[in-house]
């Protein structure tokens, strides 16, 4: 099955990515994506933009090259109380916000209790739509607590393709465990590329293999259709995606 949505992509603005917003949108159009999320790193990541960048998305069109654009950020969890590195007034205006833990922002920690606390606290933030690459071996967690919280808060769990091919190597086992638990508890997941160059946008091959290994029901994969995903944003997360 072809998945028509990629909600986790970066542009050159993130500081360590290589293509522009227009290049990403054009490539997404060429491969037949219907919706593209652009989610550059929030300010705590070295090289990332000032928060004003995320506050000015209003100047951008809703469609580029025929692709519906959702404008957001991959926000950094910055402490064990789950605080994020964007002002609340900007968080509220984003179409999409991913909450993630990153080595350059928080020191890698083997303490599962503390890492789990950080993520669960972040998930109490009503603006968080999904948790990014929770299988990161730098921040081991109690996986079932994450999954149960996601169900309680209607938050998506990301299965991040990049984690299996070029970043956060060693994520495989934890991601498989998380996927299996999502299946057991009926928690929705989203396949994302986490692209830092346009040529990997929409490539979920490695992540799909993980889902096949656990026999993930198709109905739990929220980016299986644009209609399903936009309904989730509108009805469960209260996001009004206005035409521009």
Protein backbone atom coordinates (compact mmCIF):
# COMPACT_ATOMS: atom_id res chain seq x y z
CA UNK A 1 0.00 0.00 0.00
CA UNK A 2 1.18 3.51 -0.78
CA UNK A 3 0.95 5.96 2.10
CA UNK A 4 0.11 9.47 0.79
CA UNK A 5 1.29 11.50 3.78
CA UNK A 6 4.69 12.29 5.28
CA UNK A 7 4.46 14.44 8.39
CA UNK A 8 8.10 14.63 9.50
CA UNK A 9 10.47 16.39 7.11
CA UNK A 10 13.18 19.01 7.47
CA UNK A 11 14.45 21.83 5.30
CA UNK A 12 17.77 23.62 5.13
CA UNK A 13 16.41 25.89 7.88
CA UNK A 14 17.01 23.12 10.44
CA UNK A 15 20.74 23.71 10.06
CA UNK A 16 21.76 20.17 9.16
CA UNK A 17 19.35 19.40 6.32
CA UNK A 18 20.03 20.02 2.66
CA UNK A 19 16.97 21.00 0.64
CA UNK A 20 14.55 23.92 0.74
CA UNK A 21 10.84 23.96 1.45
CA UNK A 22 10.08 24.39 -2.26
CA UNK A 23 12.41 21.55 -3.25
CA UNK A 24 10.77 19.28 -0.69
CA UNK A 25 7.27 20.20 -1.86
CA UNK A 26 8.19 19.72 -5.52
CA UNK A 27 9.66 16.29 -4.85
CA UNK A 28 6.61 15.31 -2.78
CA UNK A 29 4.43 16.30 -5.74
CA UNK A 30 6.55 14.29 -8.17
CA UNK A 31 6.19 11.09 -6.12
CA UNK A 32 2.46 11.54 -5.63
CA UNK A 33 2.20 12.57 -1.98
CA UNK A 34 -1.03 14.34 -1.09
CA UNK A 35 0.01 15.96 2.20
CA UNK A 36 3.45 17.04 3.34
CA UNK A 37 4.32 18.16 6.85
CA UNK A 38 7.32 20.45 7.17
CA UNK A 39 8.63 20.21 10.71
CA UNK A 40 11.96 21.92 11.17
CA UNK A 41 13.81 21.60 14.45
CA UNK A 42 12.79 24.05 17.16
CA UNK A 43 15.31 26.58 18.54
CA UNK A 44 17.16 24.46 21.12
CA UNK A 45 18.72 22.30 18.41
CA UNK A 46 22.07 23.74 17.30
CA UNK A 47 21.63 25.55 13.99
CA UNK A 48 17.82 25.66 14.23
CA UNK A 49 15.85 28.85 13.53
CA UNK A 50 14.53 31.41 15.99
CA UNK A 51 10.97 30.83 17.12
CA UNK A 52 9.86 33.75 14.91
CA UNK A 53 10.33 31.44 11.92
CA UNK A 54 7.52 29.21 13.19
CA UNK A 55 5.34 32.19 14.02
CA UNK A 56 5.39 33.46 10.44
CA UNK A 57 3.95 30.41 8.66
CA UNK A 58 0.89 32.53 7.87
CA UNK A 59 2.69 33.93 4.83
CA UNK A 60 2.98 30.49 3.20
CA UNK A 61 0.37 29.00 0.85
CA UNK A 62 -1.63 25.95 1.84
CA UNK A 63 -0.75 24.19 -1.41
CA UNK A 64 2.59 23.95 -3.19
CA UNK A 65 2.86 22.07 -6.49
CA UNK A 66 -0.57 20.57 -5.76
CA UNK A 67 0.50 19.17 -2.37
CA UNK A 68 -1.38 20.20 0.77
CA UNK A 69 1.20 21.66 3.16
CA UNK A 70 0.99 21.39 6.93
CA UNK A 71 3.36 23.74 8.73
CA UNK A 72 4.78 22.73 12.06
CA UNK A 73 7.85 21.90 14.10
CA UNK A 74 9.73 19.07 15.69
CA UNK A 75 9.86 20.57 19.17
CA UNK A 76 12.53 19.48 21.62
CA UNK A 77 11.72 18.08 25.03
CA UNK A 78 14.17 20.12 27.08
CA UNK A 79 13.82 18.72 30.62
CA UNK A 80 12.32 15.92 32.69
CA UNK A 81 9.19 17.97 33.27
CA UNK A 82 8.38 17.65 29.58
CA UNK A 83 8.76 21.32 28.67
CA UNK A 84 9.18 22.15 24.98
CA UNK A 85 11.30 24.84 23.37
CA UNK A 86 8.62 26.90 21.63
CA UNK A 87 6.46 29.60 23.21
CA UNK A 88 2.94 28.42 23.91
CA UNK A 89 1.39 31.05 21.65
CA UNK A 90 3.38 29.67 18.71
CA UNK A 91 2.66 26.03 19.58
CA UNK A 92 -1.04 26.78 19.39
CA UNK A 93 -0.78 28.18 15.86
CA UNK A 94 1.10 25.24 14.34
CA UNK A 95 -0.71 22.75 12.14
CA UNK A 96 1.42 19.94 13.52
CA UNK A 97 3.83 19.58 16.43
CA UNK A 98 6.09 16.63 17.10
CA UNK A 99 7.68 16.22 20.54
CA UNK A 100 11.08 14.50 20.49
CA UNK A 101 14.17 13.93 22.60
CA UNK A 102 17.50 14.75 20.97
CA UNK A 103 21.06 14.12 22.11
CA UNK A 104 22.29 17.71 21.46
CA UNK A 105 19.50 19.13 23.62
CA UNK A 106 19.28 16.65 26.50
CA UNK A 107 22.21 14.55 27.65
CA UNK A 108 21.63 10.85 26.86
CA UNK A 109 20.49 9.09 29.99
CA UNK A 110 20.13 5.38 30.77
CA UNK A 111 17.50 6.12 33.44
CA UNK A 112 14.24 4.73 32.03
CA UNK A 113 12.16 6.33 34.76
CA UNK A 114 13.43 9.85 34.05
CA UNK A 115 13.22 9.50 30.28
CA UNK A 116 9.69 8.13 30.51
CA UNK A 117 8.71 10.96 32.82
CA UNK A 118 9.99 13.52 30.30
CA UNK A 119 7.96 12.07 27.44
CA UNK A 120 4.78 11.50 29.45
CA UNK A 121 4.89 15.06 30.79
CA UNK A 122 5.33 16.38 27.25
CA UNK A 123 2.29 14.37 26.19
CA UNK A 124 0.19 16.31 28.67
CA UNK A 125 0.65 19.28 26.34
CA UNK A 126 -2.52 19.52 24.26
CA UNK A 127 -0.54 20.87 21.30
CA UNK A 128 1.50 17.68 20.86
CA UNK A 129 0.19 15.69 17.90
CA UNK A 130 2.79 12.92 17.88
CA UNK A 131 5.86 11.61 19.68
CA UNK A 132 8.92 11.52 17.44
CA UNK A 133 11.26 8.49 17.22
CA UNK A 134 10.52 7.13 20.73
CA UNK A 135 12.78 4.13 20.07
CA UNK A 136 15.92 6.26 20.38
CA UNK A 137 18.44 4.08 22.27
CA UNK A 138 19.99 7.21 23.82
CA UNK A 139 16.81 7.61 25.87
CA UNK A 140 15.44 4.20 26.90
CA UNK A 141 11.89 4.31 28.23
CA UNK A 142 9.13 2.14 29.66
CA UNK A 143 7.43 1.44 26.35
CA UNK A 144 4.03 0.36 27.64
CA UNK A 145 3.64 3.54 29.69
CA UNK A 146 4.24 5.56 26.52
CA UNK A 147 1.69 3.58 24.56
CA UNK A 148 -0.98 3.79 27.25
CA UNK A 149 -0.47 7.55 27.54
CA UNK A 150 -0.77 7.92 23.78
CA UNK A 151 -4.14 6.20 23.91
CA UNK A 152 -5.31 8.38 26.79
CA UNK A 153 -4.29 11.62 25.05
CA UNK A 154 -5.06 10.68 21.42
CA UNK A 155 -1.42 11.19 20.45
CA UNK A 156 0.19 9.40 17.54
CA UNK A 157 3.27 7.23 17.95
CA UNK A 158 5.77 7.69 15.16
CA UNK A 159 7.48 4.79 13.43
CA UNK A 160 10.44 6.71 12.06
CA UNK A 161 11.99 5.27 8.91
CA UNK A 162 15.27 7.11 9.41
CA UNK A 163 15.81 5.34 12.73
CA UNK A 164 16.39 2.09 10.87
CA UNK A 165 18.62 3.26 8.04
CA UNK A 166 20.78 6.22 9.06
CA UNK A 167 19.94 7.77 12.44
CA UNK A 168 19.59 6.42 15.99
CA UNK A 169 20.98 3.05 14.95
CA UNK A 170 19.96 0.43 17.49
CA UNK A 171 16.33 1.56 17.57
CA UNK A 172 15.04 -1.64 15.95
CA UNK A 173 14.21 -3.71 19.00
CA UNK A 174 12.54 -0.92 20.94
CA UNK A 175 10.56 0.24 17.91
CA UNK A 176 9.33 -3.29 17.32
CA UNK A 177 8.26 -3.51 20.95
CA UNK A 178 6.45 -0.18 20.70
CA UNK A 179 4.72 -1.23 17.48
CA UNK A 180 3.58 -4.51 19.05
CA UNK A 181 2.24 -2.66 22.11
CA UNK A 182 0.41 -0.19 19.87
CA UNK A 183 -1.27 -3.13 18.19
CA UNK A 184 -2.21 -4.70 21.54
CA UNK A 185 -3.65 -1.46 22.95
CA UNK A 186 -5.22 -0.16 19.74
CA UNK A 187 -3.00 2.91 19.57
CA UNK A 188 -2.60 4.68 16.24
CA UNK A 189 0.79 5.08 14.65
CA UNK A 190 2.16 7.19 11.83
CA UNK A 191 4.87 6.31 9.35
CA UNK A 192 7.29 9.19 8.79
CA UNK A 193 10.52 9.58 6.86
CA UNK A 194 12.26 12.21 9.04
CA UNK A 195 13.84 13.36 5.80
CA UNK A 196 16.74 15.80 5.88
CA UNK A 197 16.96 15.85 2.08
CA UNK A 198 14.09 15.73 -0.39
CA UNK A 199 15.06 12.39 -1.96
CA UNK A 200 13.98 10.37 1.09
CA UNK A 201 10.57 12.00 1.49
CA UNK A 202 7.78 9.41 1.39
CA UNK A 203 10.15 6.47 1.80
CA UNK A 204 8.82 4.27 4.61
CA UNK A 205 10.20 0.92 3.45
CA UNK A 206 12.14 0.05 6.61
CA UNK A 207 9.32 1.21 8.88
CA UNK A 208 6.78 -0.81 6.90
CA UNK A 209 8.88 -3.92 7.47
CA UNK A 210 8.62 -3.35 11.24
CA UNK A 211 4.84 -3.10 10.96
CA UNK A 212 4.64 -6.24 8.84
CA UNK A 213 6.70 -8.13 11.40
CA UNK A 214 4.12 -7.37 14.11
CA UNK A 215 1.16 -7.73 11.71
CA UNK A 216 -0.03 -4.18 12.40
CA UNK A 217 -3.70 -3.67 11.46
CA UNK A 218 -4.05 -1.18 8.63
CA UNK A 219 -6.70 0.75 10.53
CA UNK A 220 -4.11 1.78 13.14
CA UNK A 221 -1.86 3.40 10.50
CA UNK A 222 -3.26 6.91 10.37
CA UNK A 223 -1.48 8.11 7.25
CA UNK A 224 -3.12 5.40 5.16
CA UNK A 225 -5.38 8.12 3.70
CA UNK A 226 -5.62 11.89 3.65
CA UNK A 227 -9.25 11.77 4.74
CA UNK A 228 -8.48 9.69 7.82
CA UNK A 229 -5.56 11.87 8.85
CA UNK A 230 -7.33 15.22 8.36
CA UNK A 231 -10.37 13.94 10.25
CA UNK A 232 -8.09 13.03 13.15
CA UNK A 233 -6.59 16.52 13.22
CA UNK A 234 -9.98 18.19 12.95
CA UNK A 235 -12.13 16.08 15.25
CA UNK A 236 -9.67 14.74 17.82
CA UNK A 237 -7.02 17.44 18.01
CA UNK A 238 -9.20 20.47 17.27
CA UNK A 239 -7.03 21.66 14.37
CA UNK A 240 -8.69 23.89 11.83
CA UNK A 241 -6.61 23.66 8.65
CA UNK A 242 -7.73 26.74 6.78
CA UNK A 243 -7.33 27.25 3.06
CA UNK A 244 -5.01 30.10 2.02
